[in-house]
Amino acid sequence: MNLDSGVLARIDRKLLAGLGQHETYRMVRVPVMASTWSTWKRYCDSAGISMGRAIAAMIDRELVSVFGDSGADASPVFAEQAQEELTRRKQRVARREMDATGVEEHLRAWDKRLRRWEAGLEAREQRAELTAKMSAGPSEAPTKVGRNERCPCGSRLKYKHCHGLPAR
């Protein structure tokens, strides 16, 4: 099925819009079926390129296959697109590096906090061990307390009036 001239004119305008200002072009009218055209459009949309660029690349490849490689790049049409993609990827990498720097700073701050908490925990553990040792009582033999000395229980009474009484 052939396309009418109105549809072809719209296609031509879309193709021209897809080509850049610096690119040279010539209009070629080829009768094509609607199913072929829609398949080609879906292909170009999925590849992320304009239909004009895709057609130019296809023609370029056909010419290379017929006349052989002239030593130049086989697909000069995609050079600008590749450059744009490279720029986008560089920007994405730069954003990720900035995000990674922020995460590193956040981790450094948490590392400092963790070290402070560990130091505090160590101090508490040392105090707990010291307290346990002190509460367990003296490890050496108890010394004999004289009758007139203060009682070791802390009552401030003389031993003979506190724990030194035989009734206690």
Protein backbone atom coordinates (compact mmCIF):
# COMPACT_ATOMS: atom_id res chain seq x y z
CA MET A 1 0.00 0.00 0.00
CA ASN A 2 1.39 3.40 -0.96
CA LEU A 3 1.21 6.44 1.27
CA ASP A 4 -0.53 9.57 0.03
CA SER A 5 1.34 12.85 -0.44
CA GLY A 6 0.03 14.42 2.81
CA VAL A 7 1.40 11.55 4.89
CA LEU A 8 4.71 11.68 3.02
CA ALA A 9 4.96 15.44 3.61
CA ARG A 10 4.46 14.90 7.36
CA ILE A 11 7.08 12.16 7.32
CA ASP A 12 9.48 14.46 5.47
CA ARG A 13 8.95 17.18 8.09
CA LYS A 14 9.59 14.70 10.91
CA LEU A 15 12.73 13.44 9.18
CA LEU A 16 13.98 16.97 8.70
CA ALA A 17 13.27 17.80 12.33
CA GLY A 18 15.34 14.74 13.34
CA LEU A 19 18.37 15.94 11.39
CA GLY A 20 20.59 18.59 12.93
CA GLN A 21 21.28 22.05 11.54
CA HIS A 22 24.81 21.14 10.43
CA GLU A 23 23.85 17.98 8.55
CA THR A 24 23.28 18.02 4.79
CA TYR A 25 20.38 16.05 3.44
CA ARG A 26 18.41 15.26 0.32
CA MET A 27 14.81 14.19 0.21
CA VAL A 28 14.13 10.73 -1.12
CA ARG A 29 10.56 9.57 -1.52
CA VAL A 30 10.11 5.86 -1.27
CA PRO A 31 6.66 4.28 -1.30
CA VAL A 32 6.43 2.10 1.79
CA MET A 33 3.73 0.07 3.48
CA ALA A 34 2.30 1.38 6.74
CA SER A 35 3.32 -1.78 8.61
CA THR A 36 6.92 -1.41 7.43
CA TRP A 37 6.92 2.24 8.43
CA SER A 38 5.52 1.54 11.92
CA THR A 39 8.04 -1.28 12.45
CA TRP A 40 10.86 1.05 11.47
CA LYS A 41 9.51 3.76 13.79
CA ARG A 42 9.33 1.29 16.73
CA TYR A 43 12.91 0.21 16.01
CA CYS A 44 14.16 3.80 15.99
CA ASP A 45 12.23 4.68 19.17
CA SER A 46 13.62 1.67 21.02
CA ALA A 47 17.17 2.52 19.88
CA GLY A 48 16.65 6.13 21.00
CA ILE A 49 17.52 7.68 17.64
CA SER A 50 15.55 9.75 15.16
CA MET A 51 14.25 8.05 12.06
CA GLY A 52 16.24 10.40 9.85
CA ARG A 53 19.53 9.42 11.48
CA ALA A 54 18.66 5.73 11.30
CA ILE A 55 17.81 5.96 7.60
CA ALA A 56 21.02 7.89 6.91
CA ALA A 57 23.04 5.26 8.77
CA MET A 58 21.30 2.47 6.85
CA ILE A 59 22.05 4.16 3.52
CA ASP A 60 25.65 4.73 4.59
CA ARG A 61 26.09 1.04 5.47
CA GLU A 62 24.54 -0.03 2.18
CA LEU A 63 26.96 2.22 0.27
CA VAL A 64 29.89 0.77 2.23
CA SER A 65 28.72 -2.77 1.49
CA VAL A 66 28.44 -1.99 -2.23
CA PHE A 67 31.52 0.19 -2.74
CA GLY A 68 33.69 -1.04 0.12
CA ASP A 69 35.09 0.79 3.11
CA SER A 70 36.76 4.07 2.23
CA GLY A 71 38.82 3.99 5.41
CA ALA A 72 36.50 6.38 7.20
CA ASP A 73 34.24 5.50 10.09
CA ALA A 74 31.42 3.24 8.93
CA SER A 75 28.78 5.16 10.86
CA PRO A 76 29.61 8.87 11.03
CA VAL A 77 25.95 9.64 11.62
CA PHE A 78 26.11 8.26 15.16
CA ALA A 79 29.22 10.20 16.21
CA GLU A 80 27.22 13.11 17.63
CA GLN A 81 24.83 10.75 19.43
CA ALA A 82 27.78 8.85 20.89
CA GLN A 83 29.29 12.13 22.09
CA GLU A 84 25.99 13.11 23.73
CA GLU A 85 25.76 9.72 25.44
CA LEU A 86 29.35 10.05 26.64
CA THR A 87 28.56 13.47 28.10
CA ARG A 88 25.47 12.09 29.86
CA ARG A 89 27.49 9.22 31.30
CA LYS A 90 30.23 11.57 32.49
CA GLN A 91 27.60 13.68 34.25
CA ARG A 92 26.09 10.55 35.82
CA VAL A 93 29.54 9.45 37.02
CA ALA A 94 30.21 12.91 38.47
CA ARG A 95 26.88 12.82 40.35
CA ARG A 96 27.67 9.36 41.69
CA GLU A 97 31.13 10.51 42.81
CA MET A 98 29.55 13.44 44.66
CA ASP A 99 27.08 11.05 46.29
CA ALA A 100 29.93 8.70 47.22
CA THR A 101 31.85 11.61 48.77
CA GLY A 102 28.81 12.50 50.87
CA VAL A 103 28.41 8.89 51.97
CA GLU A 104 32.12 8.72 52.89
CA GLU A 105 31.78 11.84 55.06
CA HIS A 106 28.70 10.36 56.72
CA LEU A 107 30.58 7.11 57.40
CA ARG A 108 33.55 9.01 58.82
CA ALA A 109 31.25 10.82 61.25
CA TRP A 110 29.69 7.52 62.32
CA ASP A 111 33.16 6.01 62.71
CA LYS A 112 34.12 8.84 65.10
CA ARG A 113 30.92 8.33 67.10
CA LEU A 114 31.51 4.60 67.24
CA ARG A 115 35.07 5.10 68.49
CA ARG A 116 33.80 7.44 71.24
CA TRP A 117 31.15 4.91 72.24
CA GLU A 118 33.74 2.12 72.30
CA ALA A 119 36.06 4.21 74.48
CA GLY A 120 33.18 4.96 76.87
CA LEU A 121 32.25 1.28 76.95
CA GLU A 122 35.83 0.29 77.72
CA ALA A 123 35.94 2.81 80.58
CA ARG A 124 32.66 1.43 81.96
CA GLU A 125 33.94 -2.13 81.69
CA GLN A 126 37.12 -1.18 83.56
CA ARG A 127 35.08 0.53 86.29
CA ALA A 128 32.81 -2.52 86.54
CA GLU A 129 35.80 -4.83 86.88
CA LEU A 130 37.34 -2.58 89.53
CA THR A 131 34.04 -2.39 91.41
CA ALA A 132 33.66 -6.18 91.27
CA LYS A 133 37.18 -6.63 92.63
CA MET A 134 36.56 -4.14 95.41
CA SER A 135 33.18 -5.58 96.38
CA ALA A 136 34.55 -9.13 96.47
CA GLY A 137 36.64 -8.06 99.42
CA PRO A 138 40.36 -8.00 99.94
CA SER A 139 42.26 -10.84 98.39
CA GLU A 140 44.85 -10.87 101.19
CA ALA A 141 44.22 -12.19 104.68
CA PRO A 142 42.29 -9.79 106.89
CA THR A 143 44.40 -7.95 109.44
CA LYS A 144 43.52 -8.25 113.08
CA VAL A 145 41.60 -5.25 114.44
CA GLY A 146 42.48 -3.99 117.88
CA ARG A 147 39.74 -3.52 120.52
CA ASN A 148 40.15 0.25 120.71
CA GLU A 149 40.47 0.85 116.93
CA ARG A 150 37.56 2.00 114.82
CA CYS A 151 35.39 -0.80 113.50
CA PRO A 152 36.08 -1.65 109.83
CA CYS A 153 32.33 -1.71 109.04
CA GLY A 154 32.29 2.10 108.91
CA SER A 155 30.05 2.73 111.94
CA ARG A 156 32.71 5.01 113.55
CA LEU A 157 32.38 3.12 116.80
CA LYS A 158 35.24 1.39 118.50
CA TYR A 159 35.52 -2.25 117.55
CA LYS A 160 34.84 -3.35 121.13
CA HIS A 161 31.47 -1.52 121.14
CA CYS A 162 30.44 -2.63 117.60
CA HIS A 163 31.43 -5.97 116.10
CA GLY A 164 33.84 -6.85 118.90
CA LEU A 165 31.05 -7.67 121.33
CA PRO A 166 30.64 -11.39 121.81
CA ALA A 167 26.82 -11.09 121.47
CA ARG A 168 27.15 -9.71 117.92
